[in-house]
Amino acid sequence: RDLQCPVLQSNELQGKSEESCSTEELFEWLGAVLNQVSLD
């Protein structure tokens, strides 16, 4: 519940400043979520 999720754009693998996150940022975030690490 009330999970902070990165904003992603399918055509932006490197992410775009203030618009979307990169694949590496997603991968790190996903590892934190799957391991139930607090994101606050």
PDB file of all heavy atoms in Angstrom:
ATOM      1  N   ARG A   1       0.832  -1.207   0.000  1.00  0.00           N
ATOM      2  CA  ARG A   1       0.000   0.000   0.000  1.00  0.00           C
ATOM      3  C   ARG A   1       0.867   1.257   0.000  1.00  0.00           C
ATOM      4  O   ARG A   1       1.910   1.306   0.626  1.00  0.00           O
ATOM      5  CB  ARG A   1      -0.910  -0.003   1.205  1.00  0.00           C
ATOM      6  CG  ARG A   1      -1.800  -1.238   1.239  1.00  0.00           C
ATOM      7  CD  ARG A   1      -3.175  -0.908   1.715  1.00  0.00           C
ATOM      8  NE  ARG A   1      -4.013  -2.098   1.735  1.00  0.00           N
ATOM      9  CZ  ARG A   1      -4.886  -2.399   0.788  1.00  0.00           C
ATOM     10  NH1 ARG A   1      -5.050  -1.595  -0.233  1.00  0.00           N
ATOM     11  NH2 ARG A   1      -5.615  -3.481   0.872  1.00  0.00           N
ATOM     12  N   ASP A   2       0.381   2.248  -0.723  1.00  0.00           N
ATOM     13  CA  ASP A   2       1.056   3.542  -0.810  1.00  0.00           C
ATOM     14  C   ASP A   2       2.545   3.378  -1.120  1.00  0.00           C
ATOM     15  O   ASP A   2       3.404   3.901  -0.425  1.00  0.00           O
ATOM     16  CB  ASP A   2       0.846   4.339   0.482  1.00  0.00           C
ATOM     17  CG  ASP A   2      -0.628   4.605   0.741  1.00  0.00           C
ATOM     18  OD1 ASP A   2      -1.359   4.866  -0.235  1.00  0.00           O
ATOM     19  OD2 ASP A   2      -1.045   4.540   1.906  1.00  0.00           O
ATOM     20  N   LEU A   3       2.811   2.649  -2.173  1.00  0.00           N
ATOM     21  CA  LEU A   3       4.184   2.345  -2.586  1.00  0.00           C
ATOM     22  C   LEU A   3       4.704   3.422  -3.535  1.00  0.00           C
ATOM     23  O   LEU A   3       4.053   3.747  -4.534  1.00  0.00           O
ATOM     24  CB  LEU A   3       4.228   0.980  -3.272  1.00  0.00           C
ATOM     25  CG  LEU A   3       5.573   0.517  -3.797  1.00  0.00           C
ATOM     26  CD1 LEU A   3       6.531   0.258  -2.633  1.00  0.00           C
ATOM     27  CD2 LEU A   3       5.413  -0.736  -4.645  1.00  0.00           C
ATOM     28  N   GLN A   4       5.859   3.969  -3.220  1.00  0.00           N
ATOM     29  CA  GLN A   4       6.513   4.898  -4.139  1.00  0.00           C
ATOM     30  C   GLN A   4       7.113   4.090  -5.281  1.00  0.00           C
ATOM     31  O   GLN A   4       7.907   3.176  -5.045  1.00  0.00           O
ATOM     32  CB  GLN A   4       7.617   5.669  -3.440  1.00  0.00           C
ATOM     33  CG  GLN A   4       7.131   6.745  -2.519  1.00  0.00           C
ATOM     34  CD  GLN A   4       8.306   7.545  -1.973  1.00  0.00           C
ATOM     35  OE1 GLN A   4       9.274   6.966  -1.494  1.00  0.00           O
ATOM     36  NE2 GLN A   4       8.201   8.850  -2.043  1.00  0.00           N
ATOM     37  N   CYS A   5       6.729   4.423  -6.504  1.00  0.00           N
ATOM     38  CA  CYS A   5       7.215   3.712  -7.688  1.00  0.00           C
ATOM     39  C   CYS A   5       7.896   4.688  -8.637  1.00  0.00           C
ATOM     40  O   CYS A   5       7.415   5.809  -8.837  1.00  0.00           O
ATOM     41  CB  CYS A   5       6.052   3.070  -8.431  1.00  0.00           C
ATOM     42  SG  CYS A   5       5.275   1.722  -7.569  1.00  0.00           S
ATOM     43  N   PRO A   6       8.994   4.268  -9.250  1.00  0.00           N
ATOM     44  CA  PRO A   6       9.654   5.140 -10.224  1.00  0.00           C
ATOM     45  C   PRO A   6       8.769   5.352 -11.447  1.00  0.00           C
ATOM     46  O   PRO A   6       8.018   4.458 -11.841  1.00  0.00           O
ATOM     47  CB  PRO A   6      10.925   4.376 -10.586  1.00  0.00           C
ATOM     48  CG  PRO A   6      10.778   3.015 -10.052  1.00  0.00           C
ATOM     49  CD  PRO A   6       9.669   3.002  -9.066  1.00  0.00           C
ATOM     50  N   VAL A   7       8.856   6.521 -12.022  1.00  0.00           N
ATOM     51  CA  VAL A   7       8.166   6.815 -13.276  1.00  0.00           C
ATOM     52  C   VAL A   7       9.052   6.291 -14.401  1.00  0.00           C
ATOM     53  O   VAL A   7      10.247   6.598 -14.457  1.00  0.00           O
ATOM     54  CB  VAL A   7       7.921   8.332 -13.428  1.00  0.00           C
ATOM     55  CG1 VAL A   7       7.369   8.655 -14.817  1.00  0.00           C
ATOM     56  CG2 VAL A   7       6.975   8.821 -12.343  1.00  0.00           C
ATOM     57  N   LEU A   8       8.471   5.485 -15.284  1.00  0.00           N
ATOM     58  CA  LEU A   8       9.225   4.866 -16.380  1.00  0.00           C
ATOM     59  C   LEU A   8       8.609   5.233 -17.721  1.00  0.00           C
ATOM     60  O   LEU A   8       7.387   5.383 -17.818  1.00  0.00           O
ATOM     61  CB  LEU A   8       9.222   3.340 -16.242  1.00  0.00           C
ATOM     62  CG  LEU A   8       9.738   2.749 -14.942  1.00  0.00           C
ATOM     63  CD1 LEU A   8       9.575   1.235 -14.957  1.00  0.00           C
ATOM     64  CD2 LEU A   8      11.190   3.131 -14.716  1.00  0.00           C
ATOM     65  N   GLN A   9       9.457   5.344 -18.722  1.00  0.00           N
ATOM     66  CA  GLN A   9       9.024   5.530 -20.104  1.00  0.00           C
ATOM     67  C   GLN A   9       9.677   4.420 -20.915  1.00  0.00           C
ATOM     68  O   GLN A   9      10.899   4.258 -20.854  1.00  0.00           O
ATOM     69  CB  GLN A   9       9.488   6.883 -20.625  1.00  0.00           C
ATOM     70  CG  GLN A   9       9.039   8.037 -19.785  1.00  0.00           C
ATOM     71  CD  GLN A   9       7.929   8.824 -20.424  1.00  0.00           C
ATOM     72  OE1 GLN A   9       7.691   8.710 -21.608  1.00  0.00           O
ATOM     73  NE2 GLN A   9       7.260   9.619 -19.633  1.00  0.00           N
ATOM     74  N   SER A  10       8.887   3.664 -21.658  1.00  0.00           N
ATOM     75  CA  SER A  10       9.417   2.495 -22.365  1.00  0.00           C
ATOM     76  C   SER A  10      10.538   2.845 -23.343  1.00  0.00           C
ATOM     77  O   SER A  10      11.425   2.039 -23.574  1.00  0.00           O
ATOM     78  CB  SER A  10       8.294   1.766 -23.103  1.00  0.00           C
ATOM     79  OG  SER A  10       7.743   2.588 -24.118  1.00  0.00           O
ATOM     80  N   ASN A  11      10.528   4.052 -23.892  1.00  0.00           N
ATOM     81  CA  ASN A  11      11.545   4.422 -24.880  1.00  0.00           C
ATOM     82  C   ASN A  11      12.719   5.186 -24.275  1.00  0.00           C
ATOM     83  O   ASN A  11      13.568   5.685 -24.998  1.00  0.00           O
ATOM     84  CB  ASN A  11      10.912   5.247 -26.002  1.00  0.00           C
ATOM     85  CG  ASN A  11      10.266   6.526 -25.481  1.00  0.00           C
ATOM     86  OD1 ASN A  11      10.063   6.686 -24.278  1.00  0.00           O
ATOM     87  ND2 ASN A  11       9.933   7.420 -26.384  1.00  0.00           N
ATOM     88  N   GLU A  12      12.798   5.264 -22.950  1.00  0.00           N
ATOM     89  CA  GLU A  12      13.874   5.990 -22.276  1.00  0.00           C
ATOM     90  C   GLU A  12      14.657   5.053 -21.352  1.00  0.00           C
ATOM     91  O   GLU A  12      14.461   5.062 -20.140  1.00  0.00           O
ATOM     92  CB  GLU A  12      13.307   7.166 -21.464  1.00  0.00           C
ATOM     93  CG  GLU A  12      12.766   8.291 -22.294  1.00  0.00           C
ATOM     94  CD  GLU A  12      13.833   9.024 -23.079  1.00  0.00           C
ATOM     95  OE1 GLU A  12      15.018   8.976 -22.684  1.00  0.00           O
ATOM     96  OE2 GLU A  12      13.485   9.648 -24.091  1.00  0.00           O
ATOM     97  N   LEU A  13      15.554   4.244 -21.908  1.00  0.00           N
ATOM     98  CA  LEU A  13      16.332   3.304 -21.097  1.00  0.00           C
ATOM     99  C   LEU A  13      17.261   4.015 -20.124  1.00  0.00           C
ATOM    100  O   LEU A  13      17.501   3.536 -19.015  1.00  0.00           O
ATOM    101  CB  LEU A  13      17.151   2.375 -21.998  1.00  0.00           C
ATOM    102  CG  LEU A  13      16.358   1.443 -22.898  1.00  0.00           C
ATOM    103  CD1 LEU A  13      17.281   0.721 -23.867  1.00  0.00           C
ATOM    104  CD2 LEU A  13      15.562   0.460 -22.092  1.00  0.00           C
ATOM    105  N   GLN A  14      17.800   5.136 -20.520  1.00  0.00           N
ATOM    106  CA  GLN A  14      18.717   5.887 -19.662  1.00  0.00           C
ATOM    107  C   GLN A  14      17.984   6.825 -18.717  1.00  0.00           C
ATOM    108  O   GLN A  14      18.601   7.453 -17.867  1.00  0.00           O
ATOM    109  CB  GLN A  14      19.701   6.703 -20.522  1.00  0.00           C
ATOM    110  CG  GLN A  14      20.536   5.863 -21.460  1.00  0.00           C
ATOM    111  CD  GLN A  14      21.340   4.795 -20.740  1.00  0.00           C
ATOM    112  OE1 GLN A  14      21.925   5.052 -19.701  1.00  0.00           O
ATOM    113  NE2 GLN A  14      21.341   3.592 -21.282  1.00  0.00           N
ATOM    114  N   GLY A  15      16.670   6.921 -18.866  1.00  0.00           N
ATOM    115  CA  GLY A  15      15.905   7.868 -18.071  1.00  0.00           C
ATOM    116  C   GLY A  15      16.102   9.268 -18.605  1.00  0.00           C
ATOM    117  O   GLY A  15      16.974   9.519 -19.446  1.00  0.00           O
ATOM    118  N   LYS A  16      15.274  10.179 -18.159  1.00  0.00           N
ATOM    119  CA  LYS A  16      15.369  11.573 -18.587  1.00  0.00           C
ATOM    120  C   LYS A  16      15.139  12.423 -17.354  1.00  0.00           C
ATOM    121  O   LYS A  16      14.158  12.230 -16.640  1.00  0.00           O
ATOM    122  CB  LYS A  16      14.313  11.853 -19.656  1.00  0.00           C
ATOM    123  CG  LYS A  16      14.598  13.053 -20.513  1.00  0.00           C
ATOM    124  CD  LYS A  16      13.522  13.231 -21.556  1.00  0.00           C
ATOM    125  CE  LYS A  16      14.085  12.826 -22.911  1.00  0.00           C
ATOM    126  NZ  LYS A  16      13.150  13.124 -23.998  1.00  0.00           N
ATOM    127  N   SER A  17      16.045  13.333 -17.104  1.00  0.00           N
ATOM    128  CA  SER A  17      15.985  14.167 -15.910  1.00  0.00           C
ATOM    129  C   SER A  17      14.596  14.768 -15.705  1.00  0.00           C
ATOM    130  O   SER A  17      14.041  15.370 -16.626  1.00  0.00           O
ATOM    131  CB  SER A  17      17.030  15.282 -16.023  1.00  0.00           C
ATOM    132  OG  SER A  17      17.009  16.082 -14.865  1.00  0.00           O
ATOM    133  N   GLU A  18      14.052  14.557 -14.533  1.00  0.00           N
ATOM    134  CA  GLU A  18      12.739  15.058 -14.105  1.00  0.00           C
ATOM    135  C   GLU A  18      11.569  14.489 -14.895  1.00  0.00           C
ATOM    136  O   GLU A  18      10.445  14.946 -14.739  1.00  0.00           O
ATOM    137  CB  GLU A  18      12.722  16.584 -14.120  1.00  0.00           C
ATOM    138  CG  GLU A  18      13.743  17.200 -13.169  1.00  0.00           C
ATOM    139  CD  GLU A  18      13.688  18.709 -13.137  1.00  0.00           C
ATOM    140  OE1 GLU A  18      12.605  19.272 -13.393  1.00  0.00           O
ATOM    141  OE2 GLU A  18      14.729  19.310 -12.848  1.00  0.00           O
ATOM    142  N   GLU A  19      11.813  13.490 -15.766  1.00  0.00           N
ATOM    143  CA  GLU A  19      10.719  12.896 -16.540  1.00  0.00           C
ATOM    144  C   GLU A  19      10.572  11.399 -16.296  1.00  0.00           C
ATOM    145  O   GLU A  19       9.463  10.901 -16.204  1.00  0.00           O
ATOM    146  CB  GLU A  19      10.909  13.140 -18.036  1.00  0.00           C
ATOM    147  CG  GLU A  19      10.683  14.566 -18.458  1.00  0.00           C
ATOM    148  CD  GLU A  19      10.804  14.745 -19.959  1.00  0.00           C
ATOM    149  OE1 GLU A  19      10.473  13.790 -20.714  1.00  0.00           O
ATOM    150  OE2 GLU A  19      11.237  15.826 -20.387  1.00  0.00           O
ATOM    151  N   SER A  20      11.707  10.677 -16.229  1.00  0.00           N
ATOM    152  CA  SER A  20      11.620   9.225 -16.053  1.00  0.00           C
ATOM    153  C   SER A  20      12.917   8.679 -15.458  1.00  0.00           C
ATOM    154  O   SER A  20      13.970   9.313 -15.535  1.00  0.00           O
ATOM    155  CB  SER A  20      11.340   8.542 -17.396  1.00  0.00           C
ATOM    156  OG  SER A  20      12.397   8.738 -18.297  1.00  0.00           O
ATOM    157  N   CYS A  21      12.818   7.494 -14.880  1.00  0.00           N
ATOM    158  CA  CYS A  21      13.964   6.822 -14.254  1.00  0.00           C
ATOM    159  C   CYS A  21      14.615   5.868 -15.245  1.00  0.00           C
ATOM    160  O   CYS A  21      13.990   5.420 -16.209  1.00  0.00           O
ATOM    161  CB  CYS A  21      13.503   6.044 -13.016  1.00  0.00           C
ATOM    162  SG  CYS A  21      12.866   7.112 -11.726  1.00  0.00           S
ATOM    163  N   SER A  22      15.862   5.526 -14.990  1.00  0.00           N
ATOM    164  CA  SER A  22      16.622   4.638 -15.867  1.00  0.00           C
ATOM    165  C   SER A  22      16.385   3.171 -15.495  1.00  0.00           C
ATOM    166  O   SER A  22      15.838   2.865 -14.439  1.00  0.00           O
ATOM    167  CB  SER A  22      18.117   4.948 -15.762  1.00  0.00           C
ATOM    168  OG  SER A  22      18.601   4.556 -14.489  1.00  0.00           O
ATOM    169  N   THR A  23      16.848   2.295 -16.362  1.00  0.00           N
ATOM    170  CA  THR A  23      16.733   0.859 -16.094  1.00  0.00           C
ATOM    171  C   THR A  23      17.510   0.474 -14.845  1.00  0.00           C
ATOM    172  O   THR A  23      17.054  -0.371 -14.070  1.00  0.00           O
ATOM    173  CB  THR A  23      17.254   0.039 -17.290  1.00  0.00           C
ATOM    174  OG1 THR A  23      18.605   0.403 -17.565  1.00  0.00           O
ATOM    175  CG2 THR A  23      16.404   0.261 -18.524  1.00  0.00           C
ATOM    176  N   GLU A  24      18.684   1.087 -14.636  1.00  0.00           N
ATOM    177  CA  GLU A  24      19.488   0.767 -13.446  1.00  0.00           C
ATOM    178  C   GLU A  24      18.785   1.201 -12.168  1.00  0.00           C
ATOM    179  O   GLU A  24      18.781   0.482 -11.169  1.00  0.00           O
ATOM    180  CB  GLU A  24      20.871   1.438 -13.513  1.00  0.00           C
ATOM    181  CG  GLU A  24      21.777   0.889 -14.576  1.00  0.00           C
ATOM    182  CD  GLU A  24      21.584   1.573 -15.933  1.00  0.00           C
ATOM    183  OE1 GLU A  24      20.786   2.530 -16.041  1.00  0.00           O
ATOM    184  OE2 GLU A  24      22.227   1.134 -16.901  1.00  0.00           O
ATOM    185  N   GLU A  25      18.167   2.375 -12.196  1.00  0.00           N
ATOM    186  CA  GLU A  25      17.434   2.849 -11.021  1.00  0.00           C
ATOM    187  C   GLU A  25      16.252   1.941 -10.713  1.00  0.00           C
ATOM    188  O   GLU A  25      15.979   1.619  -9.556  1.00  0.00           O
ATOM    189  CB  GLU A  25      16.943   4.290 -11.238  1.00  0.00           C
ATOM    190  CG  GLU A  25      18.060   5.305 -11.250  1.00  0.00           C
ATOM    191  CD  GLU A  25      17.593   6.682 -11.676  1.00  0.00           C
ATOM    192  OE1 GLU A  25      16.817   6.791 -12.653  1.00  0.00           O
ATOM    193  OE2 GLU A  25      18.018   7.657 -11.020  1.00  0.00           O
ATOM    194  N   LEU A  26      15.555   1.496 -11.765  1.00  0.00           N
ATOM    195  CA  LEU A  26      14.436   0.573 -11.560  1.00  0.00           C
ATOM    196  C   LEU A  26      14.923  -0.730 -10.947  1.00  0.00           C
ATOM    197  O   LEU A  26      14.315  -1.245 -10.008  1.00  0.00           O
ATOM    198  CB  LEU A  26      13.725   0.273 -12.876  1.00  0.00           C
ATOM    199  CG  LEU A  26      12.706  -0.866 -12.751  1.00  0.00           C
ATOM    200  CD1 LEU A  26      11.467  -0.409 -12.002  1.00  0.00           C
ATOM    201  CD2 LEU A  26      12.369  -1.456 -14.084  1.00  0.00           C
ATOM    202  N   PHE A  27      16.019  -1.269 -11.476  1.00  0.00           N
ATOM    203  CA  PHE A  27      16.539  -2.555 -11.006  1.00  0.00           C
ATOM    204  C   PHE A  27      16.900  -2.478  -9.524  1.00  0.00           C
ATOM    205  O   PHE A  27      16.585  -3.381  -8.743  1.00  0.00           O
ATOM    206  CB  PHE A  27      17.761  -2.930 -11.854  1.00  0.00           C
ATOM    207  CG  PHE A  27      18.093  -4.382 -11.857  1.00  0.00           C
ATOM    208  CD1 PHE A  27      17.179  -5.321 -12.296  1.00  0.00           C
ATOM    209  CD2 PHE A  27      19.343  -4.814 -11.453  1.00  0.00           C
ATOM    210  CE1 PHE A  27      17.494  -6.667 -12.320  1.00  0.00           C
ATOM    211  CE2 PHE A  27      19.672  -6.158 -11.472  1.00  0.00           C
ATOM    212  CZ  PHE A  27      18.743  -7.089 -11.913  1.00  0.00           C
ATOM    213  N   GLU A  28      17.534  -1.388  -9.120  1.00  0.00           N
ATOM    214  CA  GLU A  28      17.899  -1.203  -7.717  1.00  0.00           C
ATOM    215  C   GLU A  28      16.646  -1.050  -6.855  1.00  0.00           C
ATOM    216  O   GLU A  28      16.522  -1.649  -5.788  1.00  0.00           O
ATOM    217  CB  GLU A  28      18.790   0.027  -7.582  1.00  0.00           C
ATOM    218  CG  GLU A  28      19.321   0.245  -6.194  1.00  0.00           C
ATOM    219  CD  GLU A  28      20.271   1.423  -6.123  1.00  0.00           C
ATOM    220  OE1 GLU A  28      20.026   2.451  -6.790  1.00  0.00           O
ATOM    221  OE2 GLU A  28      21.263   1.301  -5.393  1.00  0.00           O
ATOM    222  N   TRP A  29      15.684  -0.254  -7.318  1.00  0.00           N
ATOM    223  CA  TRP A  29      14.423  -0.058  -6.591  1.00  0.00           C
ATOM    224  C   TRP A  29      13.682  -1.381  -6.438  1.00  0.00           C
ATOM    225  O   TRP A  29      13.170  -1.708  -5.365  1.00  0.00           O
ATOM    226  CB  TRP A  29      13.559   0.971  -7.321  1.00  0.00           C
ATOM    227  CG  TRP A  29      12.178   1.095  -6.769  1.00  0.00           C
ATOM    228  CD1 TRP A  29      11.786   1.868  -5.718  1.00  0.00           C
ATOM    229  CD2 TRP A  29      11.005   0.428  -7.236  1.00  0.00           C
ATOM    230  NE1 TRP A  29      10.431   1.712  -5.507  1.00  0.00           N
ATOM    231  CE2 TRP A  29       9.933   0.834  -6.422  1.00  0.00           C
ATOM    232  CE3 TRP A  29      10.755  -0.478  -8.270  1.00  0.00           C
ATOM    233  CZ2 TRP A  29       8.636   0.376  -6.598  1.00  0.00           C
ATOM    234  CZ3 TRP A  29       9.459  -0.941  -8.446  1.00  0.00           C
ATOM    235  CH2 TRP A  29       8.415  -0.528  -7.620  1.00  0.00           C
ATOM    236  N   LEU A  30      13.620  -2.144  -7.507  1.00  0.00           N
ATOM    237  CA  LEU A  30      12.916  -3.424  -7.486  1.00  0.00           C
ATOM    238  C   LEU A  30      13.545  -4.371  -6.466  1.00  0.00           C
ATOM    239  O   LEU A  30      12.837  -5.049  -5.723  1.00  0.00           O
ATOM    240  CB  LEU A  30      12.935  -4.045  -8.883  1.00  0.00           C
ATOM    241  CG  LEU A  30      12.027  -5.229  -9.133  1.00  0.00           C
ATOM    242  CD1 LEU A  30      10.589  -4.877  -8.839  1.00  0.00           C
ATOM    243  CD2 LEU A  30      12.170  -5.688 -10.579  1.00  0.00           C
ATOM    244  N   GLY A  31      14.868  -4.407  -6.403  1.00  0.00           N
ATOM    245  CA  GLY A  31      15.538  -5.224  -5.397  1.00  0.00           C
ATOM    246  C   GLY A  31      15.161  -4.811  -3.994  1.00  0.00           C
ATOM    247  O   GLY A  31      14.936  -5.651  -3.118  1.00  0.00           O
ATOM    248  N   ALA A  32      15.051  -3.509  -3.755  1.00  0.00           N
ATOM    249  CA  ALA A  32      14.654  -3.020  -2.429  1.00  0.00           C
ATOM    250  C   ALA A  32      13.228  -3.425  -2.107  1.00  0.00           C
ATOM    251  O   ALA A  32      12.925  -3.887  -0.996  1.00  0.00           O
ATOM    252  CB  ALA A  32      14.804  -1.503  -2.361  1.00  0.00           C
ATOM    253  N   VAL A  33      12.325  -3.306  -3.063  1.00  0.00           N
ATOM    254  CA  VAL A  33      10.919  -3.672  -2.837  1.00  0.00           C
ATOM    255  C   VAL A  33      10.789  -5.170  -2.586  1.00  0.00           C
ATOM    256  O   VAL A  33      10.105  -5.596  -1.646  1.00  0.00           O
ATOM    257  CB  VAL A  33      10.032  -3.229  -4.027  1.00  0.00           C
ATOM    258  CG1 VAL A  33       8.635  -3.817  -3.927  1.00  0.00           C
ATOM    259  CG2 VAL A  33       9.965  -1.715  -4.102  1.00  0.00           C
ATOM    260  N   LEU A  34      11.442  -5.981  -3.406  1.00  0.00           N
ATOM    261  CA  LEU A  34      11.331  -7.434  -3.256  1.00  0.00           C
ATOM    262  C   LEU A  34      11.925  -7.922  -1.935  1.00  0.00           C
ATOM    263  O   LEU A  34      11.507  -8.935  -1.404  1.00  0.00           O
ATOM    264  CB  LEU A  34      11.993  -8.152  -4.429  1.00  0.00           C
ATOM    265  CG  LEU A  34      11.316  -7.946  -5.781  1.00  0.00           C
ATOM    266  CD1 LEU A  34      12.110  -8.621  -6.888  1.00  0.00           C
ATOM    267  CD2 LEU A  34       9.884  -8.434  -5.771  1.00  0.00           C
ATOM    268  N   ASN A  35      12.890  -7.176  -1.407  1.00  0.00           N
ATOM    269  CA  ASN A  35      13.499  -7.538  -0.123  1.00  0.00           C
ATOM    270  C   ASN A  35      12.885  -6.779   1.051  1.00  0.00           C
ATOM    271  O   ASN A  35      13.422  -6.805   2.154  1.00  0.00           O
ATOM    272  CB  ASN A  35      15.009  -7.318  -0.178  1.00  0.00           C
ATOM    273  CG  ASN A  35      15.678  -8.374  -1.014  1.00  0.00           C
ATOM    274  OD1 ASN A  35      15.693  -9.541  -0.645  1.00  0.00           O
ATOM    275  ND2 ASN A  35      16.208  -7.973  -2.152  1.00  0.00           N
ATOM    276  N   GLN A  36      11.782  -6.095   0.776  1.00  0.00           N
ATOM    277  CA  GLN A  36      11.012  -5.385   1.799  1.00  0.00           C
ATOM    278  C   GLN A  36      11.851  -4.353   2.556  1.00  0.00           C
ATOM    279  O   GLN A  36      11.732  -4.204   3.765  1.00  0.00           O
ATOM    280  CB  GLN A  36      10.349  -6.374   2.756  1.00  0.00           C
ATOM    281  CG  GLN A  36       9.427  -7.316   2.047  1.00  0.00           C
ATOM    282  CD  GLN A  36       8.885  -8.417   2.937  1.00  0.00           C
ATOM    283  OE1 GLN A  36       9.322  -8.598   4.059  1.00  0.00           O
ATOM    284  NE2 GLN A  36       7.926  -9.151   2.426  1.00  0.00           N
ATOM    285  N   VAL A  37      12.710  -3.645   1.832  1.00  0.00           N
ATOM    286  CA  VAL A  37      13.509  -2.577   2.417  1.00  0.00           C
ATOM    287  C   VAL A  37      12.640  -1.323   2.481  1.00  0.00           C
ATOM    288  O   VAL A  37      11.943  -0.997   1.529  1.00  0.00           O
ATOM    289  CB  VAL A  37      14.772  -2.301   1.560  1.00  0.00           C
ATOM    290  CG1 VAL A  37      15.502  -1.066   2.031  1.00  0.00           C
ATOM    291  CG2 VAL A  37      15.682  -3.515   1.573  1.00  0.00           C
ATOM    292  N   SER A  38      12.687  -0.629   3.588  1.00  0.00           N
ATOM    293  CA  SER A  38      11.941   0.618   3.734  1.00  0.00           C
ATOM    294  C   SER A  38      12.479   1.642   2.737  1.00  0.00           C
ATOM    295  O   SER A  38      13.685   1.784   2.557  1.00  0.00           O
ATOM    296  CB  SER A  38      12.086   1.148   5.154  1.00  0.00           C
ATOM    297  OG  SER A  38      11.493   2.424   5.249  1.00  0.00           O
ATOM    298  N   LEU A  39      11.582   2.376   2.087  1.00  0.00           N
ATOM    299  CA  LEU A  39      11.981   3.339   1.068  1.00  0.00           C
ATOM    300  C   LEU A  39      11.854   4.777   1.543  1.00  0.00           C
ATOM    301  O   LEU A  39      11.865   5.702   0.744  1.00  0.00           O
ATOM    302  CB  LEU A  39      11.120   3.159  -0.190  1.00  0.00           C
ATOM    303  CG  LEU A  39      11.159   1.784  -0.851  1.00  0.00           C
ATOM    304  CD1 LEU A  39      10.177   1.727  -1.998  1.00  0.00           C
ATOM    305  CD2 LEU A  39      12.549   1.441  -1.319  1.00  0.00           C
ATOM    306  N   ASP A  40      11.740   4.995   2.851  1.00  0.00           N
ATOM    307  CA  ASP A  40      11.458   6.351   3.331  1.00  0.00           C
ATOM    308  C   ASP A  40      12.688   7.164   3.713  1.00  0.00           C
ATOM    309  O   ASP A  40      12.568   8.322   4.103  1.00  0.00           O
ATOM    310  CB  ASP A  40      10.463   6.322   4.484  1.00  0.00           C
ATOM    311  CG  ASP A  40      10.919   5.427   5.628  1.00  0.00           C
ATOM    312  OD1 ASP A  40      12.101   5.029   5.650  1.00  0.00           O
ATOM    313  OD2 ASP A  40      10.079   5.117   6.484  1.00  0.00           O
TER     314      ASP A  40
END
